[in-house]
Amino acid sequence: MAVSVPLVDGDVSSITEPVPLLITGASSGIGQEFARQLATHCDEIIITGRRQERLQQLVDALRSQNIKA
């Protein structure tokens, strides 16, 4: 079930229940760092990007931290 969580000034600390987050452009740059930072605040993230190999590396790193990706 998708839940809309309002963010105040980008403050993800207000997330109080598990919600899946969709992050685009996560294979490099800002999108990748954004995925890494947000992953510490949620139980599951959904990532997309153009470079499959880099996405897989990110998924592996997140899963090693017990984050569902």
Protein backbone atom coordinates (compact mmCIF):
# COMPACT_ATOMS: atom_id res chain seq x y z
CA MET A 1 0.00 0.00 0.00
CA ALA A 2 1.42 3.37 -1.00
CA VAL A 3 1.22 6.12 1.59
CA SER A 4 1.76 9.78 0.88
CA VAL A 5 4.20 11.27 3.36
CA PRO A 6 4.55 15.06 3.38
CA LEU A 7 8.13 16.22 3.70
CA VAL A 8 8.83 19.56 5.33
CA ASP A 9 11.83 21.24 3.74
CA GLY A 10 13.13 17.82 2.67
CA ASP A 11 13.20 16.56 6.26
CA VAL A 12 12.85 12.76 5.99
CA SER A 13 13.01 12.37 9.77
CA SER A 14 9.25 12.98 9.79
CA ILE A 15 8.66 9.56 8.21
CA THR A 16 7.19 7.53 11.05
CA GLU A 17 5.91 4.41 9.27
CA PRO A 18 7.40 2.17 6.58
CA VAL A 19 6.68 3.46 3.08
CA PRO A 20 8.22 2.41 -0.23
CA LEU A 21 10.03 5.27 -1.98
CA LEU A 22 10.57 5.58 -5.75
CA ILE A 23 13.84 7.21 -6.80
CA THR A 24 14.65 7.86 -10.44
CA GLY A 25 18.13 8.40 -11.82
CA ALA A 26 19.67 6.30 -9.07
CA SER A 27 22.48 4.79 -11.14
CA SER A 28 24.80 7.77 -10.58
CA GLY A 29 25.27 11.26 -9.23
CA ILE A 30 22.67 13.00 -7.12
CA GLY A 31 20.07 10.27 -7.69
CA GLN A 32 22.42 7.60 -6.36
CA GLU A 33 23.38 9.62 -3.29
CA PHE A 34 19.74 10.52 -2.70
CA ALA A 35 18.87 6.80 -2.77
CA ARG A 36 21.63 5.99 -0.29
CA GLN A 37 20.55 8.75 2.10
CA LEU A 38 16.83 8.00 1.96
CA ALA A 39 17.37 4.26 2.26
CA THR A 40 18.48 4.74 5.85
CA HIS A 41 15.02 6.15 6.64
CA CYS A 42 12.78 3.56 5.03
CA ASP A 43 12.28 -0.19 4.78
CA GLU A 44 12.00 -0.36 0.99
CA ILE A 45 13.11 1.73 -1.97
CA ILE A 46 12.40 1.34 -5.65
CA ILE A 47 15.18 2.64 -7.88
CA THR A 48 15.39 3.25 -11.60
CA GLY A 49 18.14 4.44 -13.89
CA ARG A 50 19.81 3.90 -17.25
CA ARG A 51 22.81 1.81 -16.13
CA GLN A 52 21.72 -1.65 -15.05
CA GLU A 53 25.16 -2.64 -13.70
CA ARG A 54 25.39 0.43 -11.45
CA LEU A 55 21.84 -0.07 -10.23
CA GLN A 56 22.67 -3.65 -9.31
CA GLN A 57 25.72 -2.49 -7.36
CA LEU A 58 23.53 -0.04 -5.44
CA VAL A 59 20.90 -2.72 -4.78
CA ASP A 60 23.59 -5.07 -3.47
CA ALA A 61 24.99 -2.37 -1.18
CA LEU A 62 21.55 -1.51 0.18
CA ARG A 63 20.59 -5.13 0.71
CA SER A 64 23.79 -5.67 2.68
CA GLN A 65 22.34 -3.04 5.06
CA ASN A 66 19.07 -5.03 5.31
CA ILE A 67 17.19 -2.55 3.12
CA LYS A 68 14.69 -4.00 0.69
CA ALA A 69 15.58 -2.67 -2.77
